[in-house]
Amino acid sequence: MQFSQIRKYFKRHQIQWNALLIVLVFIAVSIIAHIWMSYGTRHAKSCEVPNFVGCQLSDAELLSQRNGMNLIVIDSLFVPAYPGGLVLEQIPKAGSAVKSGRKVYVTINSFNQKKVRVPYVAGLSLRQAKNILQVSGLQIEYLRYIEDMATNYVLQEFAGTEPVTEQSEIMLEQGKGVILEVGANPLENSTVVPLLAGKTLFEAKNALWESGLNCGEISYDGTITETNKNSARVCVQSLFQGNHLQLGTFIALKLTVDEKKIENAVKENEQYMKSILELETQQIEETEQK
């Protein structure tokens, strides 16, 4: 069929001509859209996220640029064992398939720990003082008991050797501790060792301070690394739960992430406590018989 005949046909059949034009326009738009999606947004292309964890921030930024990604720092932590600027975490994880140009969010190790003002806690109960210090990002370095009528009330506070007063503007790095001088009535100068096995270091320290005891040497077994250290729990306490001690005594701790060791430690403490209760019951019965 010649072109002139085709033209005459469509002139006589206007509806078919309009339908053909619509189809041709739709095909053209589809082709243009596909090309734009493929090359404009690189819809058909993806790449693998590199592992930035363990890299210095400057190196991680170069690596992200080479892979067509944008590196964004969203947070910082302070881990003394690592150098400042080291990438600790990333989102998405290494190996994830993403579009080129994707943003990768990282947490880095801070170069310096943030400093906070030491709150004045003298005159408060030991429990109140501990809570205020922890809210401020600080902790107790150790308790020093001196004879006084007010047992477990803070008499004085020290940042190192420097006394803390209401007017003090002493700044300490978060996580550091202060020394508390606490009163101990000679008639109330004893306490009972709490169960520490199975607790995290933070929980164990809290339990010791609330009992008027100090955390002594801290050690870790071979299961501990810098990445799992925060989830470690006590598997050995130098004195079992239930022992009566003088206020301010130091208790050494050993921590692990081995669940079996933790379970055994809890059982040993429970068995020791049970034997103590049985012995005390026996002594009471013998006293009553006399």
Protein backbone atom coordinates (compact mmCIF):
# COMPACT_ATOMS: atom_id res chain seq x y z
CA MET A 1 0.00 0.00 0.00
CA GLN A 2 1.45 3.37 -1.06
CA PHE A 3 1.81 6.31 1.35
CA SER A 4 -0.90 8.31 -0.49
CA GLN A 5 -3.30 5.45 -0.07
CA ILE A 6 -2.49 5.20 3.64
CA ARG A 7 -3.09 8.92 4.07
CA LYS A 8 -6.43 8.73 2.27
CA TYR A 9 -7.40 5.75 4.44
CA PHE A 10 -6.75 7.57 7.71
CA LYS A 11 -8.54 10.70 6.42
CA ARG A 12 -11.60 8.60 5.86
CA HIS A 13 -11.13 6.80 9.24
CA GLN A 14 -10.26 9.63 11.67
CA ILE A 15 -10.92 7.53 14.79
CA GLN A 16 -8.31 4.93 13.81
CA TRP A 17 -5.82 7.72 13.09
CA ASN A 18 -6.30 9.23 16.56
CA ALA A 19 -5.95 5.81 18.19
CA LEU A 20 -2.68 5.20 16.33
CA LEU A 21 -1.32 8.57 17.44
CA ILE A 22 -2.15 7.75 21.09
CA VAL A 23 -0.35 4.40 20.83
CA LEU A 24 2.72 6.00 19.25
CA VAL A 25 2.86 8.74 21.91
CA PHE A 26 2.52 6.13 24.70
CA ILE A 27 5.38 4.05 23.25
CA ALA A 28 7.60 7.14 22.92
CA VAL A 29 6.90 8.25 26.53
CA SER A 30 7.63 4.73 27.84
CA ILE A 31 10.98 4.60 26.04
CA ILE A 32 11.99 8.05 27.32
CA ALA A 33 10.95 7.17 30.90
CA HIS A 34 12.94 3.93 30.81
CA ILE A 35 16.06 5.72 29.59
CA TRP A 36 15.67 8.41 32.26
CA MET A 37 15.23 5.86 35.06
CA SER A 38 18.20 3.82 33.91
CA TYR A 39 20.67 6.64 33.43
CA GLY A 40 19.21 9.58 35.38
CA THR A 41 18.66 7.76 38.68
CA ARG A 42 20.77 4.64 37.91
CA HIS A 43 17.71 2.60 38.81
CA ALA A 44 19.13 -0.56 37.27
CA LYS A 45 22.50 -0.27 39.06
CA SER A 46 23.39 -1.26 42.63
CA CYS A 47 26.62 -1.62 44.57
CA GLU A 48 27.86 -3.32 47.72
CA VAL A 49 28.45 -1.31 50.90
CA PRO A 50 32.11 -1.54 51.99
CA ASN A 51 33.12 -2.31 55.57
CA PHE A 52 33.91 1.04 57.21
CA VAL A 53 34.12 -0.34 60.78
CA GLY A 54 37.70 -0.15 62.03
CA CYS A 55 38.69 2.55 59.53
CA GLN A 56 39.77 6.04 60.48
CA LEU A 57 37.12 8.58 59.49
CA SER A 58 39.37 10.18 56.82
CA ASP A 59 40.04 6.77 55.21
CA ALA A 60 36.35 5.83 55.41
CA GLU A 61 35.39 9.05 53.62
CA LEU A 62 37.80 8.32 50.76
CA LEU A 63 36.50 4.75 50.53
CA SER A 64 32.90 5.97 50.42
CA GLN A 65 33.71 8.45 47.64
CA ARG A 66 35.39 5.76 45.54
CA ASN A 67 32.22 3.66 45.90
CA GLY A 68 29.87 6.54 45.08
CA MET A 69 28.41 6.82 48.59
CA ASN A 70 27.89 9.64 51.09
CA LEU A 71 29.30 9.06 54.58
CA ILE A 72 27.45 10.84 57.41
CA VAL A 73 28.56 10.85 61.08
CA ILE A 74 25.45 10.58 63.29
CA ASP A 75 26.95 9.86 66.71
CA SER A 76 30.16 9.48 68.70
CA LEU A 77 31.11 7.31 71.65
CA PHE A 78 34.21 7.28 73.81
CA VAL A 79 35.98 3.92 74.01
CA PRO A 80 39.42 4.43 75.64
CA ALA A 81 40.86 1.30 74.02
CA TYR A 82 40.35 2.73 70.50
CA PRO A 83 41.94 5.78 68.83
CA GLY A 84 39.83 8.87 68.21
CA GLY A 85 38.05 9.06 64.85
CA LEU A 86 37.74 5.29 64.43
CA VAL A 87 34.46 4.09 62.88
CA LEU A 88 32.66 1.87 65.44
CA GLU A 89 29.32 1.16 63.72
CA GLN A 90 27.69 1.67 60.33
CA ILE A 91 24.20 1.56 58.79
CA PRO A 92 23.61 -0.17 56.35
CA LYS A 93 25.92 -3.02 57.28
CA ALA A 94 28.90 -4.02 55.15
CA GLY A 95 27.91 -6.21 52.21
CA SER A 96 24.41 -4.72 51.82
CA ALA A 97 23.31 -4.05 48.21
CA VAL A 98 22.28 -0.42 47.76
CA LYS A 99 21.88 2.17 45.01
CA SER A 100 24.88 4.27 44.11
CA GLY A 101 24.77 7.58 45.96
CA ARG A 102 23.24 5.99 49.07
CA LYS A 103 23.95 7.63 52.44
CA VAL A 104 25.87 5.48 54.96
CA TYR A 105 25.51 6.52 58.61
CA VAL A 106 28.42 5.88 60.98
CA THR A 107 29.24 6.19 64.68
CA ILE A 108 32.82 7.13 65.46
CA ASN A 109 35.03 7.00 68.53
CA SER A 110 35.31 10.41 70.14
CA PHE A 111 38.75 11.98 70.51
CA ASN A 112 37.96 13.18 74.04
CA GLN A 113 35.40 12.16 76.60
CA LYS A 114 32.85 14.83 77.44
CA LYS A 115 33.42 16.60 80.77
CA VAL A 116 30.69 17.32 83.31
CA ARG A 117 30.52 19.40 86.49
CA VAL A 118 30.85 17.34 89.67
CA PRO A 119 27.63 17.69 91.70
CA TYR A 120 27.83 18.37 95.45
CA VAL A 121 26.36 15.41 97.33
CA ALA A 122 27.67 15.83 100.90
CA GLY A 123 24.89 15.68 103.48
CA LEU A 124 22.82 13.22 101.43
CA SER A 125 22.26 9.53 102.00
CA LEU A 126 24.60 7.19 100.15
CA ARG A 127 21.78 6.01 97.88
CA GLN A 128 20.76 9.59 96.98
CA ALA A 129 24.38 10.59 96.33
CA LYS A 130 24.94 7.57 94.08
CA ASN A 131 21.84 8.32 92.02
CA ILE A 132 22.73 12.01 91.55
CA LEU A 133 26.27 11.15 90.48
CA GLN A 134 25.03 8.59 87.94
CA VAL A 135 22.51 11.03 86.47
CA SER A 136 25.45 13.42 85.96
CA GLY A 137 27.40 10.71 84.12
CA LEU A 138 29.77 10.02 87.02
CA GLN A 139 30.18 7.19 89.50
CA ILE A 140 31.73 6.36 92.88
CA GLU A 141 35.46 5.65 92.83
CA TYR A 142 35.31 4.17 96.31
CA LEU A 143 33.69 4.65 99.72
CA ARG A 144 35.83 5.68 102.68
CA TYR A 145 34.04 5.05 105.98
CA ILE A 146 34.79 7.11 109.07
CA GLU A 147 33.22 6.91 112.52
CA ASP A 148 30.06 8.98 112.77
CA MET A 149 26.58 8.66 114.23
CA ALA A 150 24.91 8.93 110.79
CA THR A 151 25.60 5.62 109.08
CA ASN A 152 25.65 5.73 105.27
CA TYR A 153 25.36 9.50 105.02
CA VAL A 154 27.94 11.34 102.92
CA LEU A 155 30.15 13.55 105.07
CA GLN A 156 32.63 14.74 102.46
CA GLU A 157 33.26 14.35 98.74
CA PHE A 158 36.56 14.41 96.81
CA ALA A 159 37.53 14.56 93.14
CA GLY A 160 40.94 12.95 93.46
CA THR A 161 42.51 14.86 96.35
CA GLU A 162 40.44 18.01 95.82
CA PRO A 163 37.44 18.51 98.15
CA VAL A 164 34.12 19.18 96.42
CA THR A 165 32.08 22.04 97.89
CA GLU A 166 28.79 23.70 96.95
CA GLN A 167 30.77 26.44 95.17
CA SER A 168 33.13 24.05 93.35
CA GLU A 169 33.32 24.13 89.55
CA ILE A 170 35.29 20.91 89.24
CA MET A 171 34.94 19.17 85.87
CA LEU A 172 35.52 15.46 85.32
CA GLU A 173 35.26 13.25 82.26
CA GLN A 174 32.03 11.26 82.07
CA GLY A 175 32.45 7.81 83.61
CA LYS A 176 35.03 8.96 86.16
CA GLY A 177 34.47 8.47 89.87
CA VAL A 178 34.55 10.55 93.04
CA ILE A 179 35.57 9.47 96.55
CA LEU A 180 32.87 9.65 99.18
CA GLU A 181 33.60 9.85 102.90
CA VAL A 182 30.66 8.13 104.54
CA GLY A 183 29.64 7.88 108.18
CA ALA A 184 29.61 4.56 110.06
CA ASN A 185 28.13 4.23 113.53
CA PRO A 186 30.38 1.80 115.50
CA LEU A 187 27.23 -0.12 116.46
CA GLU A 188 26.16 -0.45 112.80
CA ASN A 189 29.51 -0.99 111.12
CA SER A 190 28.73 -4.23 109.28
CA THR A 191 26.89 -5.28 106.14
CA VAL A 192 26.05 -8.40 104.13
CA VAL A 193 27.59 -9.29 100.77
CA PRO A 194 24.90 -9.23 98.03
CA LEU A 195 24.61 -11.70 95.17
CA LEU A 196 26.81 -10.35 92.38
CA ALA A 197 27.14 -13.43 90.14
CA GLY A 198 25.14 -12.99 86.94
CA LYS A 199 25.12 -9.19 87.12
CA THR A 200 26.75 -6.78 84.68
CA LEU A 201 29.60 -4.66 86.03
CA PHE A 202 27.28 -1.65 86.33
CA GLU A 203 24.70 -3.69 88.25
CA ALA A 204 27.34 -5.30 90.48
CA LYS A 205 28.88 -1.94 91.41
CA ASN A 206 25.46 -0.55 92.25
CA ALA A 207 24.68 -3.55 94.46
CA LEU A 208 28.02 -3.16 96.27
CA TRP A 209 27.64 0.59 96.87
CA GLU A 210 24.08 0.18 98.11
CA SER A 211 25.40 -2.42 100.58
CA GLY A 212 28.18 -0.09 101.75
CA LEU A 213 30.92 -2.09 100.00
CA ASN A 214 33.55 -1.25 97.39
CA CYS A 215 34.33 -2.78 94.02
CA GLY A 216 37.89 -4.09 94.16
CA GLU A 217 40.02 -5.56 91.37
CA ILE A 218 38.11 -6.22 88.13
CA SER A 219 39.34 -8.95 85.79
CA TYR A 220 38.01 -10.62 82.63
CA ASP A 221 38.37 -14.13 81.27
CA GLY A 222 39.47 -15.05 77.74
CA THR A 223 35.96 -14.69 76.28
CA ILE A 224 36.00 -10.88 76.58
CA THR A 225 36.74 -8.51 73.69
CA GLU A 226 36.21 -4.76 73.38
CA THR A 227 33.01 -5.37 71.39
CA ASN A 228 31.31 -7.68 73.94
CA LYS A 229 32.74 -6.16 77.12
CA ASN A 230 29.55 -4.27 77.98
CA SER A 231 27.48 -7.47 77.98
CA ALA A 232 29.92 -9.36 80.27
CA ARG A 233 28.59 -10.55 83.63
CA VAL A 234 30.13 -11.56 86.95
CA CYS A 235 31.21 -15.20 87.18
CA VAL A 236 33.42 -14.88 90.29
CA GLN A 237 33.05 -12.69 93.39
CA SER A 238 35.85 -12.89 95.93
CA LEU A 239 33.39 -13.40 98.82
CA PHE A 240 30.12 -15.29 98.53
CA GLN A 241 26.69 -13.78 99.06
CA GLY A 242 25.64 -13.73 102.72
CA ASN A 243 29.04 -13.05 104.29
CA HIS A 244 29.05 -10.36 107.00
CA LEU A 245 31.73 -7.72 106.43
CA GLN A 246 32.85 -4.37 107.75
CA LEU A 247 31.49 -1.40 105.79
CA GLY A 248 33.86 -0.25 103.04
CA THR A 249 35.37 -3.72 102.38
CA PHE A 250 36.55 -4.31 98.79
CA ILE A 251 35.13 -7.22 96.75
CA ALA A 252 37.05 -8.40 93.67
CA LEU A 253 35.11 -9.42 90.56
CA LYS A 254 35.75 -11.52 87.47
CA LEU A 255 33.54 -11.24 84.38
CA THR A 256 32.74 -13.41 81.38
CA VAL A 257 30.24 -13.83 78.53
CA ASP A 258 30.30 -17.62 78.96
CA GLU A 259 26.72 -18.45 79.99
CA LYS A 260 27.78 -21.77 81.55
CA LYS A 261 30.28 -20.09 83.88
CA ILE A 262 27.67 -17.51 84.90
CA GLU A 263 25.07 -20.20 85.59
CA ASN A 264 27.54 -22.20 87.72
CA ALA A 265 28.54 -19.07 89.68
CA VAL A 266 24.91 -18.30 90.54
CA LYS A 267 24.35 -21.91 91.68
CA GLU A 268 27.51 -21.89 93.86
CA ASN A 269 26.37 -18.69 95.59
CA GLU A 270 22.88 -20.07 96.13
CA GLN A 271 24.28 -23.31 97.60
CA TYR A 272 26.59 -21.34 99.91
CA MET A 273 23.67 -19.16 101.05
CA LYS A 274 21.58 -22.27 101.67
CA SER A 275 24.32 -23.84 103.81
CA ILE A 276 24.65 -20.61 105.83
CA LEU A 277 20.90 -20.56 106.52
CA GLU A 278 20.93 -24.23 107.52
CA LEU A 279 23.84 -23.62 109.90
CA GLU A 280 22.12 -20.61 111.49
CA THR A 281 18.89 -22.60 111.90
CA GLN A 282 20.83 -25.43 113.57
CA GLN A 283 22.55 -23.01 115.97
CA ILE A 284 19.19 -21.45 116.93
CA GLU A 285 17.69 -24.89 117.61
CA GLU A 286 20.67 -25.90 119.75
CA THR A 287 20.42 -22.63 121.73
CA GLU A 288 16.70 -23.18 122.35
CA GLN A 289 17.32 -26.75 123.58
CA LYS A 290 19.82 -25.48 126.14
